N, C-alpha and C. Protein backbone atom coordinates (compact mmCIF):
# COMPACT_ATOMS: atom_id res chain seq x y z
N MET A 1 -8.18 13.35 6.42
CA MET A 1 -7.38 13.35 7.28
C MET A 1 -6.51 11.75 7.17
N SER A 2 -4.85 11.58 6.78
CA SER A 2 -4.93 10.27 6.87
C SER A 2 -3.93 10.41 7.60
N THR A 3 -3.46 9.70 8.33
CA THR A 3 -2.36 9.30 9.44
C THR A 3 -1.60 8.01 9.05
N GLU A 4 -1.39 7.34 7.20
CA GLU A 4 -0.50 6.33 6.92
C GLU A 4 1.11 6.35 7.16
N ARG A 5 1.67 5.90 7.41
CA ARG A 5 2.77 6.24 7.10
C ARG A 5 3.62 5.93 5.92
N PRO A 6 4.47 6.91 4.99
CA PRO A 6 5.02 6.46 4.11
C PRO A 6 5.63 5.45 4.01
N LYS A 7 5.65 4.60 2.81
CA LYS A 7 6.70 3.44 2.37
C LYS A 7 7.90 3.24 2.84
N ALA A 8 8.73 4.41 2.70
CA ALA A 8 10.01 4.28 3.12
C ALA A 8 10.08 4.13 4.20
N TYR A 9 8.68 4.32 5.46
CA TYR A 9 9.44 3.62 6.54
C TYR A 9 9.13 2.53 6.84
N TYR A 10 8.62 1.48 6.05
CA TYR A 10 8.27 0.20 5.68
C TYR A 10 9.43 -0.45 5.08
N THR A 11 9.86 0.53 4.01
CA THR A 11 11.14 -0.34 3.88
C THR A 11 12.52 -0.37 4.34
N ALA A 12 12.01 0.59 5.40
CA ALA A 12 13.19 0.87 6.53
C ALA A 12 13.42 -0.16 7.36
N VAL A 13 12.11 -0.78 7.85
CA VAL A 13 11.89 -1.84 8.80
C VAL A 13 12.42 -3.11 8.39
N PHE A 14 12.25 -3.02 6.65
CA PHE A 14 12.52 -4.09 6.41
C PHE A 14 13.74 -4.70 6.64
N LEU A 15 14.74 -3.09 6.06
CA LEU A 15 15.99 -3.42 5.52
C LEU A 15 16.92 -3.73 7.20
N ARG A 16 16.11 -2.98 7.88
CA ARG A 16 16.76 -3.15 9.55
C ARG A 16 17.00 -4.89 10.19
N GLY A 17 15.64 -5.15 9.95
CA GLY A 17 15.37 -6.42 10.29
C GLY A 17 16.68 -7.06 9.34
N SER A 18 16.63 -7.11 7.82
CA SER A 18 17.36 -7.83 7.12
C SER A 18 19.15 -7.49 7.66
N PHE A 19 19.16 -6.60 8.15
CA PHE A 19 20.71 -6.55 8.36
C PHE A 19 20.53 -6.67 9.81
N ARG A 20 20.08 -6.66 10.82
CA ARG A 20 19.61 -7.42 12.03
C ARG A 20 20.07 -8.93 11.77
N ALA A 21 19.24 -9.55 10.76
CA ALA A 21 19.42 -11.25 10.87
C ALA A 21 21.22 -11.07 10.05
N ILE A 22 21.09 -10.30 9.31
CA ILE A 22 22.78 -10.93 8.40
C ILE A 22 23.48 -10.92 10.06
N LYS A 23 23.38 -9.55 10.66
CA LYS A 23 24.91 -9.77 11.92
C LYS A 23 24.27 -10.50 12.82
N GLN A 24 23.30 -11.29 13.27
CA GLN A 24 22.97 -12.30 13.67
C GLN A 24 23.60 -13.37 13.31
N SER A 25 23.49 -14.04 12.19
CA SER A 25 24.39 -14.93 11.13
C SER A 25 25.55 -15.14 11.01
N MET A 26 26.48 -14.08 11.18
CA MET A 26 27.25 -14.24 10.96
C MET A 26 28.24 -14.92 12.01
N ALA A 27 29.42 -15.85 11.52
CA ALA A 27 30.18 -16.82 12.39
C ALA A 27 31.12 -16.16 13.16
N GLY A 28 31.79 -15.27 12.60
CA GLY A 28 32.17 -14.35 13.76
C GLY A 28 32.08 -13.25 15.02
N LYS A 29 32.30 -13.58 15.96
CA LYS A 29 31.61 -12.79 17.16
C LYS A 29 32.48 -11.30 16.76
N ALA A 30 31.55 -10.25 17.57
CA ALA A 30 32.51 -8.93 17.51
C ALA A 30 33.78 -8.55 17.66
N ASP A 31 34.05 -9.17 18.50
CA ASP A 31 35.67 -9.43 19.54
C ASP A 31 36.36 -10.53 18.57
N ASP A 32 36.03 -11.21 17.75
CA ASP A 32 37.12 -12.19 16.94
C ASP A 32 37.89 -11.30 16.25
N GLY A 33 38.83 -12.37 15.56
CA GLY A 33 39.98 -11.67 14.75
C GLY A 33 39.31 -12.20 13.44
N MET A 34 38.69 -13.31 13.15
CA MET A 34 38.09 -14.25 12.00
C MET A 34 37.88 -13.17 10.80
N PRO A 35 38.29 -13.62 10.15
CA PRO A 35 37.62 -13.32 8.55
C PRO A 35 36.30 -12.88 8.24
N CYS A 36 35.45 -11.86 7.91
CA CYS A 36 33.99 -12.04 7.62
C CYS A 36 33.21 -12.14 6.27
N TRP A 37 32.73 -13.69 5.89
CA TRP A 37 32.28 -13.52 4.61
C TRP A 37 31.08 -13.54 4.71
N LEU A 38 30.39 -12.30 4.22
CA LEU A 38 29.37 -12.29 3.75
C LEU A 38 28.50 -12.30 2.71
N ASP A 39 27.56 -12.96 1.90
CA ASP A 39 26.90 -12.78 1.07
C ASP A 39 27.09 -11.62 0.10
N THR A 40 27.74 -11.01 -1.21
CA THR A 40 27.92 -9.56 -1.57
C THR A 40 26.72 -9.40 -2.19
N ARG A 41 26.09 -10.61 -3.07
CA ARG A 41 25.36 -10.48 -3.74
C ARG A 41 23.70 -10.27 -3.57
N MET A 42 23.02 -10.47 -1.82
CA MET A 42 22.40 -10.00 -0.73
C MET A 42 22.93 -8.71 -0.42
N LEU A 43 24.08 -8.69 0.07
CA LEU A 43 24.17 -7.38 0.48
C LEU A 43 24.27 -5.87 -0.57
N GLY A 44 24.31 -6.42 -1.82
CA GLY A 44 24.13 -6.01 -3.08
C GLY A 44 22.78 -4.88 -3.26
N MET A 45 21.91 -6.50 -3.35
CA MET A 45 20.56 -6.15 -3.98
C MET A 45 19.90 -5.03 -2.19
N LEU A 46 20.64 -5.55 -0.82
CA LEU A 46 19.90 -4.62 0.12
C LEU A 46 20.29 -3.24 -0.02
N CYS A 47 21.86 -2.87 -0.60
CA CYS A 47 22.40 -1.48 -0.78
C CYS A 47 21.49 -0.90 -2.15
N ARG A 48 20.58 -1.49 -3.00
CA ARG A 48 20.51 -0.80 -3.90
C ARG A 48 18.78 -0.71 -3.24
N GLU A 49 18.34 -1.34 -2.61
CA GLU A 49 17.09 -0.95 -2.12
C GLU A 49 17.02 -0.17 -1.11
N LEU A 50 18.03 0.65 -0.20
CA LEU A 50 18.56 1.54 0.90
C LEU A 50 18.77 2.67 -0.17
N LYS A 51 19.52 2.39 -1.13
CA LYS A 51 19.44 3.87 -2.20
C LYS A 51 18.45 3.85 -2.84
N ALA A 52 17.44 3.60 -3.27
CA ALA A 52 16.08 3.63 -3.38
C ALA A 52 15.11 4.39 -2.63
N CYS A 53 15.51 4.00 -1.40
CA CYS A 53 14.38 4.27 -0.28
C CYS A 53 15.53 6.03 -0.05
N SER A 54 16.52 5.94 -0.05
CA SER A 54 17.18 7.18 0.36
C SER A 54 16.90 8.29 -0.62
N GLU A 55 16.47 8.00 -2.00
CA GLU A 55 16.11 8.89 -2.88
C GLU A 55 14.99 9.30 -3.71
N GLU A 56 13.45 8.73 -2.25
CA GLU A 56 12.46 9.50 -2.55
C GLU A 56 12.58 10.69 -2.38
N PRO A 57 11.58 11.30 -3.27
CA PRO A 57 11.55 12.67 -2.97
C PRO A 57 10.99 13.25 -1.65
N THR A 58 9.87 12.61 -1.56
CA THR A 58 9.05 13.29 0.30
C THR A 58 9.22 13.22 1.83
N LEU A 59 10.89 12.54 1.58
CA LEU A 59 11.24 12.10 2.56
C LEU A 59 11.73 13.31 3.77
N PRO A 60 11.20 13.91 4.81
CA PRO A 60 11.99 14.61 6.18
C PRO A 60 13.23 14.17 6.19
N ALA A 61 13.96 15.70 5.94
CA ALA A 61 14.80 15.84 5.87
C ALA A 61 15.78 15.26 6.97
N GLU A 62 15.59 14.95 8.33
CA GLU A 62 16.17 14.05 9.10
C GLU A 62 15.94 12.50 8.63
N ALA A 63 14.98 12.28 8.12
CA ALA A 63 15.20 10.63 7.20
C ALA A 63 16.04 10.26 6.39
N HIS A 64 16.24 11.72 5.50
CA HIS A 64 16.95 11.59 4.36
C HIS A 64 18.25 11.28 4.47
N ALA A 65 18.80 12.16 5.73
CA ALA A 65 20.05 11.72 6.43
C ALA A 65 20.71 10.54 6.58
N ALA A 66 19.20 10.09 7.58
CA ALA A 66 19.95 8.77 8.27
C ALA A 66 19.92 7.91 7.03
N LEU A 67 19.13 7.92 5.86
CA LEU A 67 19.40 6.86 5.44
C LEU A 67 20.72 7.19 4.18
N GLU A 68 20.84 8.28 4.07
CA GLU A 68 22.30 8.47 3.52
C GLU A 68 23.40 8.05 4.33
N SER A 69 23.32 8.15 5.60
CA SER A 69 24.37 7.51 6.16
C SER A 69 24.15 6.30 6.46
N ALA A 70 23.51 5.51 6.73
CA ALA A 70 23.04 3.83 6.28
C ALA A 70 23.37 3.50 4.91
N ARG A 71 23.32 4.17 3.62
CA ARG A 71 23.60 4.06 2.39
C ARG A 71 25.44 4.08 2.53
N GLU A 72 25.62 4.80 2.92
CA GLU A 72 27.11 5.20 3.11
C GLU A 72 28.17 3.93 3.49
N ALA A 73 27.64 3.69 5.15
CA ALA A 73 27.83 2.69 5.56
C ALA A 73 27.75 1.09 5.19
N CYS A 74 27.05 0.50 3.87
CA CYS A 74 26.58 -0.09 3.46
C CYS A 74 27.44 -0.39 2.29
N ASP A 75 27.82 0.96 1.44
CA ASP A 75 28.77 1.20 0.51
C ASP A 75 30.09 0.89 1.13
N GLN A 76 30.36 1.27 2.16
CA GLN A 76 31.83 0.96 2.57
C GLN A 76 31.97 -0.71 2.93
N LEU A 77 31.07 -1.56 3.38
CA LEU A 77 30.65 -2.60 3.88
C LEU A 77 31.05 -3.09 2.22
N LEU A 78 30.13 -2.78 1.73
CA LEU A 78 29.79 -3.90 0.42
C LEU A 78 31.52 -3.88 -0.43
N SER A 79 32.12 -2.81 -0.15
CA SER A 79 33.36 -2.52 -1.04
C SER A 79 34.93 -3.36 -1.13
N ARG A 80 34.52 -3.73 0.67
CA ARG A 80 35.64 -5.05 1.41
C ARG A 80 34.87 -6.64 1.32
N CYS A 81 33.90 -6.39 1.23
CA CYS A 81 33.10 -7.73 1.20
C CYS A 81 33.78 -8.34 -0.52
N PRO A 82 33.61 -9.89 -0.40
CA PRO A 82 34.08 -10.33 0.76
C PRO A 82 35.37 -10.94 1.53
N GLY A 83 35.77 -10.91 2.41
CA GLY A 83 36.40 -11.30 3.31
C GLY A 83 38.12 -10.31 3.05
N GLY A 84 36.98 -9.19 3.13
CA GLY A 84 38.45 -7.83 3.70
C GLY A 84 38.39 -7.51 4.83
N LEU A 85 37.34 -8.00 5.51
CA LEU A 85 37.61 -7.37 6.59
C LEU A 85 37.29 -8.46 8.11
N ASP A 86 38.04 -8.13 9.05
CA ASP A 86 37.26 -8.79 10.30
C ASP A 86 36.57 -9.13 10.82
N SER A 87 36.08 -9.93 11.52
CA SER A 87 34.62 -10.00 12.03
C SER A 87 33.96 -8.99 12.84
N THR A 88 35.50 -8.19 13.31
CA THR A 88 34.99 -6.70 14.19
C THR A 88 34.91 -5.79 13.58
N LEU A 89 35.30 -5.52 12.63
CA LEU A 89 35.21 -4.21 11.30
C LEU A 89 33.56 -4.29 10.84
N CYS A 90 33.72 -6.06 10.37
CA CYS A 90 32.21 -6.03 10.07
C CYS A 90 31.41 -5.76 10.57
N HIS A 91 31.39 -6.26 12.08
CA HIS A 91 30.13 -5.60 13.26
C HIS A 91 30.21 -4.44 13.32
N ARG A 92 31.14 -3.78 13.27
CA ARG A 92 31.07 -1.92 13.40
C ARG A 92 30.23 -1.34 12.18
N HIS A 93 30.58 -1.96 11.12
CA HIS A 93 29.55 -1.80 9.57
C HIS A 93 28.07 -1.68 10.14
N LEU A 94 27.73 -3.16 10.26
CA LEU A 94 26.52 -3.46 10.53
C LEU A 94 25.52 -2.32 11.70
N ASP A 95 26.78 -2.60 13.13
CA ASP A 95 26.03 -1.53 13.23
C ASP A 95 26.05 0.05 13.22
N ALA A 96 26.45 0.74 12.52
CA ALA A 96 26.53 1.88 11.89
C ALA A 96 25.34 2.49 10.86
N ILE A 97 24.98 0.95 9.86
CA ILE A 97 24.08 0.39 9.30
C ILE A 97 22.48 0.94 10.10
N LEU A 98 22.73 -0.51 11.35
CA LEU A 98 21.46 -0.86 11.99
C LEU A 98 21.30 0.82 12.71
N GLU A 99 21.73 1.53 13.34
CA GLU A 99 21.71 2.82 13.84
C GLU A 99 20.97 4.08 12.63
N ALA A 100 21.77 3.72 11.80
CA ALA A 100 21.51 4.99 10.99
C ALA A 100 19.78 4.60 10.29
N LEU A 101 19.97 3.11 10.14
CA LEU A 101 18.24 3.03 9.78
C LEU A 101 17.04 3.19 10.86
N GLN A 102 17.18 2.68 12.47
CA GLN A 102 16.70 3.28 13.55
C GLN A 102 16.52 4.68 13.30
N ARG A 103 17.40 5.50 13.34
CA ARG A 103 17.30 7.18 13.43
C ARG A 103 16.41 7.21 12.32
N ALA A 104 15.98 6.48 11.00
CA ALA A 104 15.66 7.06 10.00
C ALA A 104 13.62 6.40 10.08
N ILE A 105 13.63 5.57 10.92
CA ILE A 105 12.75 5.05 11.54
C ILE A 105 11.99 5.80 12.15
N ASP A 106 12.79 5.74 13.42
CA ASP A 106 12.03 6.99 14.09
C ASP A 106 11.69 8.39 13.32
N ALA A 107 12.18 9.04 12.44
CA ALA A 107 11.55 10.27 12.02
C ALA A 107 10.76 10.04 11.12
N LEU A 108 10.93 8.71 10.16
CA LEU A 108 9.23 8.22 10.04
C LEU A 108 8.43 8.05 10.22
N ALA A 109 8.47 8.02 11.39
CA ALA A 109 7.61 7.27 12.66
C ALA A 109 6.45 8.36 13.29
N LYS A 110 7.26 9.66 13.29
CA LYS A 110 6.29 10.81 13.62
C LYS A 110 4.97 10.86 12.96
N ALA A 111 4.15 10.84 13.44
CA ALA A 111 2.73 11.39 12.79
C ALA A 111 2.87 12.71 12.08
N PRO A 112 2.65 12.30 10.46
CA PRO A 112 2.13 13.59 9.86
C PRO A 112 1.85 14.85 10.57
N ALA A 113 1.95 16.24 10.15
CA ALA A 113 0.38 17.01 10.40
C ALA A 113 -1.00 17.23 9.96
N PRO A 114 -1.66 17.09 10.53
CA PRO A 114 -3.04 16.98 9.52
C PRO A 114 -3.25 18.10 8.43
N ALA A 115 -3.64 17.86 7.59
CA ALA A 115 -3.45 18.73 6.31
C ALA A 115 -4.97 19.75 7.16
N ALA A 116 -4.68 20.74 6.80
CA ALA A 116 -6.06 21.37 6.73
C ALA A 116 -7.46 20.90 5.96
N PRO A 117 -8.39 20.93 6.60
CA PRO A 117 -9.83 20.91 5.84
C PRO A 117 -9.77 21.78 4.40
N SER A 118 -9.66 20.89 2.99
CA SER A 118 -10.38 22.12 2.14
C SER A 118 -11.64 22.41 2.06
N ARG A 119 -11.51 23.85 1.15
CA ARG A 119 -13.74 24.15 0.84
C ARG A 119 -14.32 23.05 0.91
N TRP A 120 -14.36 22.16 0.23
CA TRP A 120 -15.05 21.07 -0.03
C TRP A 120 -15.32 20.42 0.74
N GLN A 121 -14.11 19.69 1.42
CA GLN A 121 -14.75 19.32 2.68
C GLN A 121 -15.34 19.90 4.10
N SER A 122 -15.09 21.33 4.14
CA SER A 122 -15.81 21.66 4.94
C SER A 122 -17.14 22.12 4.95
N ALA A 123 -17.20 22.17 3.63
CA ALA A 123 -18.77 22.49 3.02
C ALA A 123 -19.42 21.12 3.41
N THR A 124 -18.62 20.11 3.10
CA THR A 124 -19.46 18.60 3.27
C THR A 124 -19.82 18.62 4.47
N ARG A 125 -19.18 18.54 5.62
CA ARG A 125 -19.01 18.39 6.95
C ARG A 125 -20.29 19.25 7.42
N TYR A 126 -20.12 20.59 6.83
CA TYR A 126 -21.52 21.53 7.20
C TYR A 126 -22.68 21.28 7.17
N LEU A 127 -22.72 20.78 5.58
CA LEU A 127 -24.28 20.18 5.12
C LEU A 127 -24.76 18.55 5.61
N LEU A 128 -23.28 18.23 6.10
CA LEU A 128 -23.77 17.10 6.98
C LEU A 128 -24.38 17.19 8.69
N HIS A 129 -23.41 17.94 9.05
CA HIS A 129 -23.98 18.60 10.33
C HIS A 129 -25.64 19.09 10.17
N GLY A 130 -26.36 20.09 9.16
CA GLY A 130 -27.26 20.03 8.83
C GLY A 130 -28.48 19.76 8.96
N TRP A 131 -27.67 18.53 7.96
CA TRP A 131 -29.04 17.07 7.62
C TRP A 131 -29.28 16.59 9.01
N LYS A 132 -27.94 16.49 9.75
CA LYS A 132 -28.39 15.73 10.94
C LYS A 132 -29.42 16.51 12.07
N ARG A 133 -29.10 18.13 12.01
CA ARG A 133 -30.22 18.84 12.96
C ARG A 133 -31.65 18.14 12.35
N LEU A 134 -31.92 18.45 10.99
CA LEU A 134 -33.11 18.61 10.36
C LEU A 134 -33.90 17.31 10.92
N SER A 135 -32.97 16.09 11.33
CA SER A 135 -33.68 15.10 11.55
C SER A 135 -33.89 14.53 12.35
C-alpha cells in the first residue's frame, strides 16, 4: 500500500509558489492603475508546465478541472502581457490562477484509497504469520 502523492501534486505546489512569487514581486499594487509588465518568457514556461500537468492521464476529475481553470487563466494573462493590463487586472488573473492551483493541490492531497491486497500479498502475509507462530 503506497500513500505517496502523485507527481502532479508536487508540480502544482511548485507552480503555486512560482505564481505567488510573481504576484509578490509586481511593482504595482492590486489597486493601482499602473501598467503591468511581467516577464512573458517566464510566464510562458510556467504556462507550459501547467498545461503538461493538467494533461496527466491519472488525475482525479476535481484536480483536472482546477488545473484546466488555472491554465485558462494563465493563457488569458499571457495573451495580454506585457503591458496590456493594469496592475488591478493582472492581480485578478494571478489570484484566479493561485485559487485554481490551491483547489488542485487540495484535490491531489487527498490520500488515495488503499488498494486491495493481491492474492500473492495475502499468501505472503499468511506464510509469514505462520513462521512467526512456529518460531
